[in-house]
Amino acid sequence: MAVKEKITQMLFRVLDELNQFRPREEHLKKDLETPLAGASGRLDSAGLINLIVLTEQKAAQELGRPILLTDDRTLSRINEVFLTLGSLADYIHLLLNEKRDG
């Protein structure tokens, strides 16, 4: 399975966990176009924090490499990185490639 597909599947599992604590009408759709943060985002600040923590944990477990989504670089671009599930997947892919190359 390609890295991008692994990241997407991992993020879908993160959404499964997040949705367990959200009312059914507020469940996040497992789609790369699902808005997360920003003007059309579906997550409040607590939801975003939970997403970040779960994503960091699952990335270490499932992708075999830890990632950090709470550094200055990421947080300075929070509305870009967390705009949609797809933008988050792209950013994680970028981080993993940097770790591999660096």
PDB file of N, CA and C in Angstrom:
ATOM      1  N   MET A   1       0.847  -1.176   0.000  1.00  0.00           N
ATOM      2  CA  MET A   1       0.000   0.000   0.000  1.00  0.00           C
ATOM      3  C   MET A   1       0.894   1.241   0.000  1.00  0.00           C
ATOM      4  N   ALA A   2       0.566   2.209  -0.833  1.00  0.00           N
ATOM      5  CA  ALA A   2       1.338   3.438  -0.932  1.00  0.00           C
ATOM      6  C   ALA A   2       1.219   4.257   0.352  1.00  0.00           C
ATOM      7  N   VAL A   3       2.217   5.071   0.614  1.00  0.00           N
ATOM      8  CA  VAL A   3       2.251   5.882   1.832  1.00  0.00           C
ATOM      9  C   VAL A   3       1.029   6.786   1.930  1.00  0.00           C
ATOM     10  N   LYS A   4       0.654   7.436   0.830  1.00  0.00           N
ATOM     11  CA  LYS A   4      -0.512   8.335   0.860  1.00  0.00           C
ATOM     12  C   LYS A   4      -1.774   7.577   1.254  1.00  0.00           C
ATOM     13  N   GLU A   5      -1.930   6.362   0.766  1.00  0.00           N
ATOM     14  CA  GLU A   5      -3.095   5.552   1.107  1.00  0.00           C
ATOM     15  C   GLU A   5      -3.059   5.145   2.582  1.00  0.00           C
ATOM     16  N   LYS A   6      -1.870   4.821   3.091  1.00  0.00           N
ATOM     17  CA  LYS A   6      -1.734   4.479   4.506  1.00  0.00           C
ATOM     18  C   LYS A   6      -2.119   5.670   5.383  1.00  0.00           C
ATOM     19  N   ILE A   7      -1.684   6.856   4.983  1.00  0.00           N
ATOM     20  CA  ILE A   7      -2.009   8.073   5.745  1.00  0.00           C
ATOM     21  C   ILE A   7      -3.512   8.293   5.736  1.00  0.00           C
ATOM     22  N   THR A   8      -4.135   8.166   4.570  1.00  0.00           N
ATOM     23  CA  THR A   8      -5.584   8.367   4.456  1.00  0.00           C
ATOM     24  C   THR A   8      -6.342   7.375   5.330  1.00  0.00           C
ATOM     25  N   GLN A   9      -5.975   6.113   5.274  1.00  0.00           N
ATOM     26  CA  GLN A   9      -6.654   5.100   6.078  1.00  0.00           C
ATOM     27  C   GLN A   9      -6.454   5.350   7.567  1.00  0.00           C
ATOM     28  N   MET A  10      -5.256   5.783   7.944  1.00  0.00           N
ATOM     29  CA  MET A  10      -4.987   6.110   9.340  1.00  0.00           C
ATOM     30  C   MET A  10      -5.873   7.274   9.789  1.00  0.00           C
ATOM     31  N   LEU A  11      -6.004   8.306   8.950  1.00  0.00           N
ATOM     32  CA  LEU A  11      -6.851   9.450   9.295  1.00  0.00           C
ATOM     33  C   LEU A  11      -8.321   9.055   9.376  1.00  0.00           C
ATOM     34  N   PHE A  12      -8.752   8.127   8.547  1.00  0.00           N
ATOM     35  CA  PHE A  12     -10.133   7.637   8.641  1.00  0.00           C
ATOM     36  C   PHE A  12     -10.366   6.951   9.998  1.00  0.00           C
ATOM     37  N   ARG A  13      -9.359   6.233  10.483  1.00  0.00           N
ATOM     38  CA  ARG A  13      -9.489   5.592  11.795  1.00  0.00           C
ATOM     39  C   ARG A  13      -9.504   6.646  12.914  1.00  0.00           C
ATOM     40  N   VAL A  14      -8.748   7.716  12.732  1.00  0.00           N
ATOM     41  CA  VAL A  14      -8.792   8.826  13.692  1.00  0.00           C
ATOM     42  C   VAL A  14     -10.208   9.399  13.738  1.00  0.00           C
ATOM     43  N   LEU A  15     -10.819   9.602  12.568  1.00  0.00           N
ATOM     44  CA  LEU A  15     -12.188  10.125  12.532  1.00  0.00           C
ATOM     45  C   LEU A  15     -13.163   9.163  13.194  1.00  0.00           C
ATOM     46  N   ASP A  16     -12.967   7.865  12.992  1.00  0.00           N
ATOM     47  CA  ASP A  16     -13.829   6.883  13.656  1.00  0.00           C
ATOM     48  C   ASP A  16     -13.794   7.086  15.168  1.00  0.00           C
ATOM     49  N   GLU A  17     -12.605   7.301  15.712  1.00  0.00           N
ATOM     50  CA  GLU A  17     -12.480   7.508  17.162  1.00  0.00           C
ATOM     51  C   GLU A  17     -13.105   8.830  17.588  1.00  0.00           C
ATOM     52  N   LEU A  18     -12.844   9.884  16.835  1.00  0.00           N
ATOM     53  CA  LEU A  18     -13.429  11.186  17.174  1.00  0.00           C
ATOM     54  C   LEU A  18     -14.954  11.138  17.132  1.00  0.00           C
ATOM     55  N   ASN A  19     -15.484  10.470  16.129  1.00  0.00           N
ATOM     56  CA  ASN A  19     -16.937  10.415  15.952  1.00  0.00           C
ATOM     57  C   ASN A  19     -17.638   9.677  17.089  1.00  0.00           C
ATOM     58  N   GLN A  20     -16.927   8.824  17.796  1.00  0.00           N
ATOM     59  CA  GLN A  20     -17.525   8.117  18.931  1.00  0.00           C
ATOM     60  C   GLN A  20     -17.987   9.090  20.015  1.00  0.00           C
ATOM     61  N   PHE A  21     -17.374  10.266  20.052  1.00  0.00           N
ATOM     62  CA  PHE A  21     -17.672  11.244  21.096  1.00  0.00           C
ATOM     63  C   PHE A  21     -18.479  12.432  20.588  1.00  0.00           C
ATOM     64  N   ARG A  22     -18.926  12.352  19.352  1.00  0.00           N
ATOM     65  CA  ARG A  22     -19.695  13.452  18.756  1.00  0.00           C
ATOM     66  C   ARG A  22     -21.121  12.979  18.496  1.00  0.00           C
ATOM     67  N   PRO A  23     -22.080  13.888  18.612  1.00  0.00           N
ATOM     68  CA  PRO A  23     -23.457  13.509  18.247  1.00  0.00           C
ATOM     69  C   PRO A  23     -23.491  13.048  16.792  1.00  0.00           C
ATOM     70  N   ARG A  24     -24.367  12.113  16.499  1.00  0.00           N
ATOM     71  CA  ARG A  24     -24.439  11.540  15.151  1.00  0.00           C
ATOM     72  C   ARG A  24     -24.526  12.606  14.053  1.00  0.00           C
ATOM     73  N   GLU A  25     -25.290  13.651  14.303  1.00  0.00           N
ATOM     74  CA  GLU A  25     -25.450  14.702  13.284  1.00  0.00           C
ATOM     75  C   GLU A  25     -24.184  15.543  13.098  1.00  0.00           C
ATOM     76  N   GLU A  26     -23.215  15.373  13.987  1.00  0.00           N
ATOM     77  CA  GLU A  26     -21.958  16.115  13.881  1.00  0.00           C
ATOM     78  C   GLU A  26     -20.779  15.215  13.501  1.00  0.00           C
ATOM     79  N   HIS A  27     -21.065  13.982  13.104  1.00  0.00           N
ATOM     80  CA  HIS A  27     -19.986  13.078  12.701  1.00  0.00           C
ATOM     81  C   HIS A  27     -19.233  13.655  11.506  1.00  0.00           C
ATOM     82  N   LEU A  28     -17.938  13.453  11.535  1.00  0.00           N
ATOM     83  CA  LEU A  28     -17.083  13.885  10.435  1.00  0.00           C
ATOM     84  C   LEU A  28     -17.055  12.782   9.389  1.00  0.00           C
ATOM     85  N   LYS A  29     -17.285  13.169   8.147  1.00  0.00           N
ATOM     86  CA  LYS A  29     -17.336  12.223   7.038  1.00  0.00           C
ATOM     87  C   LYS A  29     -15.923  11.779   6.651  1.00  0.00           C
ATOM     88  N   LYS A  30     -15.790  10.488   6.388  1.00  0.00           N
ATOM     89  CA  LYS A  30     -14.498   9.956   5.953  1.00  0.00           C
ATOM     90  C   LYS A  30     -14.316  10.251   4.465  1.00  0.00           C
ATOM     91  N   ASP A  31     -13.874  11.482   4.222  1.00  0.00           N
ATOM     92  CA  ASP A  31     -13.691  12.001   2.873  1.00  0.00           C
ATOM     93  C   ASP A  31     -12.568  13.030   2.949  1.00  0.00           C
ATOM     94  N   LEU A  32     -11.684  13.040   1.977  1.00  0.00           N
ATOM     95  CA  LEU A  32     -10.566  13.974   1.999  1.00  0.00           C
ATOM     96  C   LEU A  32     -11.008  15.430   1.892  1.00  0.00           C
ATOM     97  N   GLU A  33     -12.224  15.668   1.449  1.00  0.00           N
ATOM     98  CA  GLU A  33     -12.749  17.032   1.346  1.00  0.00           C
ATOM     99  C   GLU A  33     -13.433  17.508   2.630  1.00  0.00           C
ATOM    100  N   THR A  34     -13.513  16.676   3.648  1.00  0.00           N
ATOM    101  CA  THR A  34     -14.166  17.049   4.898  1.00  0.00           C
ATOM    102  C   THR A  34     -13.450  18.237   5.524  1.00  0.00           C
ATOM    103  N   PRO A  35     -14.167  19.345   5.756  1.00  0.00           N
ATOM    104  CA  PRO A  35     -13.545  20.515   6.389  1.00  0.00           C
ATOM    105  C   PRO A  35     -13.296  20.250   7.873  1.00  0.00           C
ATOM    106  N   LEU A  36     -12.132  20.664   8.351  1.00  0.00           N
ATOM    107  CA  LEU A  36     -11.768  20.448   9.748  1.00  0.00           C
ATOM    108  C   LEU A  36     -11.758  21.766  10.518  1.00  0.00           C
ATOM    109  N   ALA A  37     -10.856  22.671  10.161  1.00  0.00           N
ATOM    110  CA  ALA A  37     -10.715  23.946  10.856  1.00  0.00           C
ATOM    111  C   ALA A  37     -10.956  25.093   9.875  1.00  0.00           C
ATOM    112  N   GLY A  38     -10.888  26.300  10.381  1.00  0.00           N
ATOM    113  CA  GLY A  38     -11.099  27.453   9.535  1.00  0.00           C
ATOM    114  C   GLY A  38     -12.563  27.833   9.466  1.00  0.00           C
ATOM    115  N   ALA A  39     -12.898  28.697   8.529  1.00  0.00           N
ATOM    116  CA  ALA A  39     -14.245  29.258   8.422  1.00  0.00           C
ATOM    117  C   ALA A  39     -15.323  28.190   8.253  1.00  0.00           C
ATOM    118  N   SER A  40     -15.059  27.176   7.465  1.00  0.00           N
ATOM    119  CA  SER A  40     -16.069  26.140   7.235  1.00  0.00           C
ATOM    120  C   SER A  40     -15.782  24.871   8.039  1.00  0.00           C
ATOM    121  N   GLY A  41     -14.837  24.962   8.972  1.00  0.00           N
ATOM    122  CA  GLY A  41     -14.424  23.801   9.748  1.00  0.00           C
ATOM    123  C   GLY A  41     -15.508  23.241  10.640  1.00  0.00           C
ATOM    124  N   ARG A  42     -15.438  21.967  10.890  1.00  0.00           N
ATOM    125  CA  ARG A  42     -16.426  21.253  11.710  1.00  0.00           C
ATOM    126  C   ARG A  42     -15.952  21.042  13.133  1.00  0.00           C
ATOM    127  N   LEU A  43     -14.689  21.397  13.425  1.00  0.00           N
ATOM    128  CA  LEU A  43     -14.132  21.151  14.753  1.00  0.00           C
ATOM    129  C   LEU A  43     -13.964  22.446  15.532  1.00  0.00           C
ATOM    130  N   ASP A  44     -14.361  22.415  16.808  1.00  0.00           N
ATOM    131  CA  ASP A  44     -14.043  23.524  17.698  1.00  0.00           C
ATOM    132  C   ASP A  44     -12.620  23.302  18.203  1.00  0.00           C
ATOM    133  N   SER A  45     -12.137  24.177  19.082  1.00  0.00           N
ATOM    134  CA  SER A  45     -10.746  24.065  19.524  1.00  0.00           C
ATOM    135  C   SER A  45     -10.481  22.744  20.245  1.00  0.00           C
ATOM    136  N   ALA A  46     -11.409  22.288  21.080  1.00  0.00           N
ATOM    137  CA  ALA A  46     -11.228  21.012  21.773  1.00  0.00           C
ATOM    138  C   ALA A  46     -11.205  19.854  20.775  1.00  0.00           C
ATOM    139  N   GLY A  47     -12.074  19.898  19.779  1.00  0.00           N
ATOM    140  CA  GLY A  47     -12.093  18.858  18.759  1.00  0.00           C
ATOM    141  C   GLY A  47     -10.803  18.824  17.959  1.00  0.00           C
ATOM    142  N   LEU A  48     -10.252  20.002  17.681  1.00  0.00           N
ATOM    143  CA  LEU A  48      -8.999  20.071  16.934  1.00  0.00           C
ATOM    144  C   LEU A  48      -7.852  19.494  17.768  1.00  0.00           C
ATOM    145  N   ILE A  49      -7.839  19.801  19.044  1.00  0.00           N
ATOM    146  CA  ILE A  49      -6.804  19.246  19.921  1.00  0.00           C
ATOM    147  C   ILE A  49      -6.902  17.727  19.952  1.00  0.00           C
ATOM    148  N   ASN A  50      -8.110  17.199  20.079  1.00  0.00           N
ATOM    149  CA  ASN A  50      -8.296  15.740  20.071  1.00  0.00           C
ATOM    150  C   ASN A  50      -7.827  15.133  18.749  1.00  0.00           C
ATOM    151  N   LEU A  51      -8.144  15.791  17.644  1.00  0.00           N
ATOM    152  CA  LEU A  51      -7.695  15.324  16.328  1.00  0.00           C
ATOM    153  C   LEU A  51      -6.172  15.271  16.274  1.00  0.00           C
ATOM    154  N   ILE A  52      -5.524  16.310  16.752  1.00  0.00           N
ATOM    155  CA  ILE A  52      -4.061  16.378  16.720  1.00  0.00           C
ATOM    156  C   ILE A  52      -3.452  15.257  17.558  1.00  0.00           C
ATOM    157  N   VAL A  53      -3.940  15.091  18.784  1.00  0.00           N
ATOM    158  CA  VAL A  53      -3.385  14.066  19.674  1.00  0.00           C
ATOM    159  C   VAL A  53      -3.578  12.673  19.084  1.00  0.00           C
ATOM    160  N   LEU A  54      -4.790  12.380  18.632  1.00  0.00           N
ATOM    161  CA  LEU A  54      -5.056  11.058  18.045  1.00  0.00           C
ATOM    162  C   LEU A  54      -4.213  10.817  16.792  1.00  0.00           C
ATOM    163  N   THR A  55      -4.061  11.848  15.978  1.00  0.00           N
ATOM    164  CA  THR A  55      -3.283  11.713  14.744  1.00  0.00           C
ATOM    165  C   THR A  55      -1.821  11.435  15.062  1.00  0.00           C
ATOM    166  N   GLU A  56      -1.259  12.156  16.036  1.00  0.00           N
ATOM    167  CA  GLU A  56       0.134  11.910  16.413  1.00  0.00           C
ATOM    168  C   GLU A  56       0.310  10.493  16.948  1.00  0.00           C
ATOM    169  N   GLN A  57      -0.618  10.038  17.775  1.00  0.00           N
ATOM    170  CA  GLN A  57      -0.531   8.686  18.338  1.00  0.00           C
ATOM    171  C   GLN A  57      -0.641   7.626  17.246  1.00  0.00           C
ATOM    172  N   LYS A  58      -1.643   7.768  16.380  1.00  0.00           N
ATOM    173  CA  LYS A  58      -1.857   6.763  15.335  1.00  0.00           C
ATOM    174  C   LYS A  58      -0.715   6.753  14.322  1.00  0.00           C
ATOM    175  N   ALA A  59      -0.156   7.919  14.020  1.00  0.00           N
ATOM    176  CA  ALA A  59       0.960   7.966  13.068  1.00  0.00           C
ATOM    177  C   ALA A  59       2.140   7.167  13.606  1.00  0.00           C
ATOM    178  N   ALA A  60       2.441   7.341  14.882  1.00  0.00           N
ATOM    179  CA  ALA A  60       3.558   6.592  15.476  1.00  0.00           C
ATOM    180  C   ALA A  60       3.272   5.087  15.445  1.00  0.00           C
ATOM    181  N   GLN A  61       2.030   4.710  15.757  1.00  0.00           N
ATOM    182  CA  GLN A  61       1.661   3.289  15.798  1.00  0.00           C
ATOM    183  C   GLN A  61       1.578   2.671  14.410  1.00  0.00           C
ATOM    184  N   GLU A  62       0.888   3.343  13.508  1.00  0.00           N
ATOM    185  CA  GLU A  62       0.548   2.730  12.223  1.00  0.00           C
ATOM    186  C   GLU A  62       1.540   3.037  11.102  1.00  0.00           C
ATOM    187  N   LEU A  63       2.192   4.182  11.168  1.00  0.00           N
ATOM    188  CA  LEU A  63       3.127   4.545  10.110  1.00  0.00           C
ATOM    189  C   LEU A  63       4.569   4.286  10.530  1.00  0.00           C
ATOM    190  N   GLY A  64       4.749   3.977  11.811  1.00  0.00           N
ATOM    191  CA  GLY A  64       6.075   3.626  12.292  1.00  0.00           C
ATOM    192  C   GLY A  64       7.012   4.789  12.511  1.00  0.00           C
ATOM    193  N   ARG A  65       6.502   6.006  12.364  1.00  0.00           N
ATOM    194  CA  ARG A  65       7.343   7.185  12.564  1.00  0.00           C
ATOM    195  C   ARG A  65       6.532   8.254  13.284  1.00  0.00           C
ATOM    196  N   PRO A  66       7.098   8.817  14.335  1.00  0.00           N
ATOM    197  CA  PRO A  66       6.357   9.871  15.035  1.00  0.00           C
ATOM    198  C   PRO A  66       6.316  11.157  14.201  1.00  0.00           C
ATOM    199  N   ILE A  67       5.235  11.889  14.350  1.00  0.00           N
ATOM    200  CA  ILE A  67       5.122  13.203  13.737  1.00  0.00           C
ATOM    201  C   ILE A  67       4.710  14.175  14.837  1.00  0.00           C
ATOM    202  N   LEU A  68       5.003  15.457  14.631  1.00  0.00           N
ATOM    203  CA  LEU A  68       4.644  16.481  15.599  1.00  0.00           C
ATOM    204  C   LEU A  68       3.790  17.524  14.891  1.00  0.00           C
ATOM    205  N   LEU A  69       2.557  17.673  15.365  1.00  0.00           N
ATOM    206  CA  LEU A  69       1.633  18.628  14.763  1.00  0.00           C
ATOM    207  C   LEU A  69       1.403  19.845  15.659  1.00  0.00           C
ATOM    208  N   THR A  70       2.226  19.992  16.707  1.00  0.00           N
ATOM    209  CA  THR A  70       2.061  21.115  17.623  1.00  0.00           C
ATOM    210  C   THR A  70       3.297  22.010  17.645  1.00  0.00           C
ATOM    211  N   ASP A  71       4.143  21.906  16.640  1.00  0.00           N
ATOM    212  CA  ASP A  71       5.314  22.774  16.586  1.00  0.00           C
ATOM    213  C   ASP A  71       4.930  24.129  15.980  1.00  0.00           C
ATOM    214  N   ASP A  72       5.832  25.093  16.075  1.00  0.00           N
ATOM    215  CA  ASP A  72       5.556  26.443  15.580  1.00  0.00           C
ATOM    216  C   ASP A  72       5.249  26.460  14.089  1.00  0.00           C
ATOM    217  N   ARG A  73       5.971  25.654  13.341  1.00  0.00           N
ATOM    218  CA  ARG A  73       5.762  25.603  11.885  1.00  0.00           C
ATOM    219  C   ARG A  73       4.325  25.213  11.546  1.00  0.00           C
ATOM    220  N   THR A  74       3.835  24.166  12.185  1.00  0.00           N
ATOM    221  CA  THR A  74       2.482  23.680  11.907  1.00  0.00           C
ATOM    222  C   THR A  74       1.434  24.654  12.426  1.00  0.00           C
ATOM    223  N   LEU A  75       1.605  25.100  13.660  1.00  0.00           N
ATOM    224  CA  LEU A  75       0.594  25.968  14.272  1.00  0.00           C
ATOM    225  C   LEU A  75       0.513  27.334  13.600  1.00  0.00           C
ATOM    226  N   SER A  76       1.602  27.784  12.977  1.00  0.00           N
ATOM    227  CA  SER A  76       1.556  29.059  12.253  1.00  0.00           C
ATOM    228  C   SER A  76       0.749  28.934  10.957  1.00  0.00           C
ATOM    229  N   ARG A  77       0.498  27.693  10.532  1.00  0.00           N
ATOM    230  CA  ARG A  77      -0.262  27.440   9.301  1.00  0.00           C
ATOM    231  C   ARG A  77      -1.508  26.606   9.601  1.00  0.00           C
ATOM    232  N   ILE A  78      -2.045  26.744  10.811  1.00  0.00           N
ATOM    233  CA  ILE A  78      -3.110  25.856  11.290  1.00  0.00           C
ATOM    234  C   ILE A  78      -4.318  25.821  10.364  1.00  0.00           C
ATOM    235  N   ASN A  79      -4.748  26.980   9.861  1.00  0.00           N
ATOM    236  CA  ASN A  79      -5.928  27.002   8.993  1.00  0.00           C
ATOM    237  C   ASN A  79      -5.644  26.424   7.613  1.00  0.00           C
ATOM    238  N   GLU A  80      -4.393  26.346   7.241  1.00  0.00           N
ATOM    239  CA  GLU A  80      -4.018  25.728   5.965  1.00  0.00           C
ATOM    240  C   GLU A  80      -3.849  24.221   6.130  1.00  0.00           C
ATOM    241  N   VAL A  81      -3.093  23.815   7.155  1.00  0.00           N
ATOM    242  CA  VAL A  81      -2.815  22.400   7.395  1.00  0.00           C
ATOM    243  C   VAL A  81      -4.099  21.644   7.730  1.00  0.00           C
ATOM    244  N   PHE A  82      -4.948  22.260   8.566  1.00  0.00           N
ATOM    245  CA  PHE A  82      -6.155  21.589   9.047  1.00  0.00           C
ATOM    246  C   PHE A  82      -7.414  22.068   8.322  1.00  0.00           C
ATOM    247  N   LEU A  83      -7.254  22.594   7.122  1.00  0.00           N
ATOM    248  CA  LEU A  83      -8.397  23.055   6.342  1.00  0.00           C
ATOM    249  C   LEU A  83      -9.343  21.898   6.036  1.00  0.00           C
ATOM    250  N   THR A  84      -8.795  20.821   5.505  1.00  0.00           N
ATOM    251  CA  THR A  84      -9.585  19.623   5.185  1.00  0.00           C
ATOM    252  C   THR A  84      -8.792  18.392   5.605  1.00  0.00           C
ATOM    253  N   LEU A  85      -9.439  17.261   5.591  1.00  0.00           N
ATOM    254  CA  LEU A  85      -8.747  16.011   5.877  1.00  0.00           C
ATOM    255  C   LEU A  85      -7.643  15.780   4.838  1.00  0.00           C
ATOM    256  N   GLY A  86      -7.903  16.155   3.607  1.00  0.00           N
ATOM    257  CA  GLY A  86      -6.909  16.001   2.542  1.00  0.00           C
ATOM    258  C   GLY A  86      -5.686  16.878   2.741  1.00  0.00           C
ATOM    259  N   SER A  87      -5.885  18.126   3.197  1.00  0.00           N
ATOM    260  CA  SER A  87      -4.736  19.002   3.439  1.00  0.00           C
ATOM    261  C   SER A  87      -3.904  18.467   4.599  1.00  0.00           C
ATOM    262  N   LEU A  88      -4.549  17.880   5.599  1.00  0.00           N
ATOM    263  CA  LEU A  88      -3.819  17.265   6.703  1.00  0.00           C
ATOM    264  C   LEU A  88      -3.040  16.045   6.206  1.00  0.00           C
ATOM    265  N   ALA A  89      -3.652  15.235   5.368  1.00  0.00           N
ATOM    266  CA  ALA A  89      -2.966  14.062   4.805  1.00  0.00           C
ATOM    267  C   ALA A  89      -1.738  14.501   3.995  1.00  0.00           C
ATOM    268  N   ASP A  90      -1.885  15.549   3.204  1.00  0.00           N
ATOM    269  CA  ASP A  90      -0.757  16.056   2.412  1.00  0.00           C
ATOM    270  C   ASP A  90       0.376  16.541   3.309  1.00  0.00           C
ATOM    271  N   TYR A  91       0.018  17.225   4.390  1.00  0.00           N
ATOM    272  CA  TYR A  91       1.024  17.749   5.304  1.00  0.00           C
ATOM    273  C   TYR A  91       1.758  16.607   6.014  1.00  0.00           C
ATOM    274  N   ILE A  92       1.032  15.596   6.440  1.00  0.00           N
ATOM    275  CA  ILE A  92       1.667  14.436   7.083  1.00  0.00           C
ATOM    276  C   ILE A  92       2.618  13.756   6.098  1.00  0.00           C
ATOM    277  N   HIS A  93       2.197  13.639   4.858  1.00  0.00           N
ATOM    278  CA  HIS A  93       3.052  13.047   3.826  1.00  0.00           C
ATOM    279  C   HIS A  93       4.331  13.867   3.684  1.00  0.00           C
ATOM    280  N   LEU A  94       4.207  15.191   3.672  1.00  0.00           N
ATOM    281  CA  LEU A  94       5.365  16.080   3.600  1.00  0.00           C
ATOM    282  C   LEU A  94       6.295  15.853   4.791  1.00  0.00           C
ATOM    283  N   LEU A  95       5.730  15.799   6.003  1.00  0.00           N
ATOM    284  CA  LEU A  95       6.548  15.576   7.201  1.00  0.00           C
ATOM    285  C   LEU A  95       7.295  14.249   7.135  1.00  0.00           C
ATOM    286  N   LEU A  96       6.627  13.212   6.710  1.00  0.00           N
ATOM    287  CA  LEU A  96       7.261  11.894   6.618  1.00  0.00           C
ATOM    288  C   LEU A  96       8.383  11.891   5.583  1.00  0.00           C
ATOM    289  N   ASN A  97       8.169  12.576   4.460  1.00  0.00           N
ATOM    290  CA  ASN A  97       9.200  12.662   3.437  1.00  0.00           C
ATOM    291  C   ASN A  97      10.412  13.444   3.938  1.00  0.00           C
ATOM    292  N   GLU A  98      10.169  14.500   4.709  1.00  0.00           N
ATOM    293  CA  GLU A  98      11.280  15.287   5.261  1.00  0.00           C
ATOM    294  C   GLU A  98      12.102  14.447   6.232  1.00  0.00           C
ATOM    295  N   LYS A  99      11.423  13.655   7.072  1.00  0.00           N
ATOM    296  CA  LYS A  99      12.139  12.805   8.030  1.00  0.00           C
ATOM    297  C   LYS A  99      12.966  11.756   7.295  1.00  0.00           C
ATOM    298  N   ARG A 100      12.406  11.225   6.204  1.00  0.00           N
ATOM    299  CA  ARG A 100      13.129  10.199   5.447  1.00  0.00           C
ATOM    300  C   ARG A 100      14.353  10.802   4.761  1.00  0.00           C
ATOM    301  N   ASP A 101      14.188  12.016   4.194  1.00  0.00           N
ATOM    302  CA  ASP A 101      15.268  12.665   3.449  1.00  0.00           C
ATOM    303  C   ASP A 101      16.284  13.324   4.368  1.00  0.00           C
ATOM    304  N   GLY A 102      15.834  13.714   5.584  1.00  0.00           N
ATOM    305  CA  GLY A 102      16.717  14.486   6.468  1.00  0.00           C
ATOM    306  C   GLY A 102      17.312  13.645   7.494  1.00  0.00           C
TER     307      GLY A 102
END
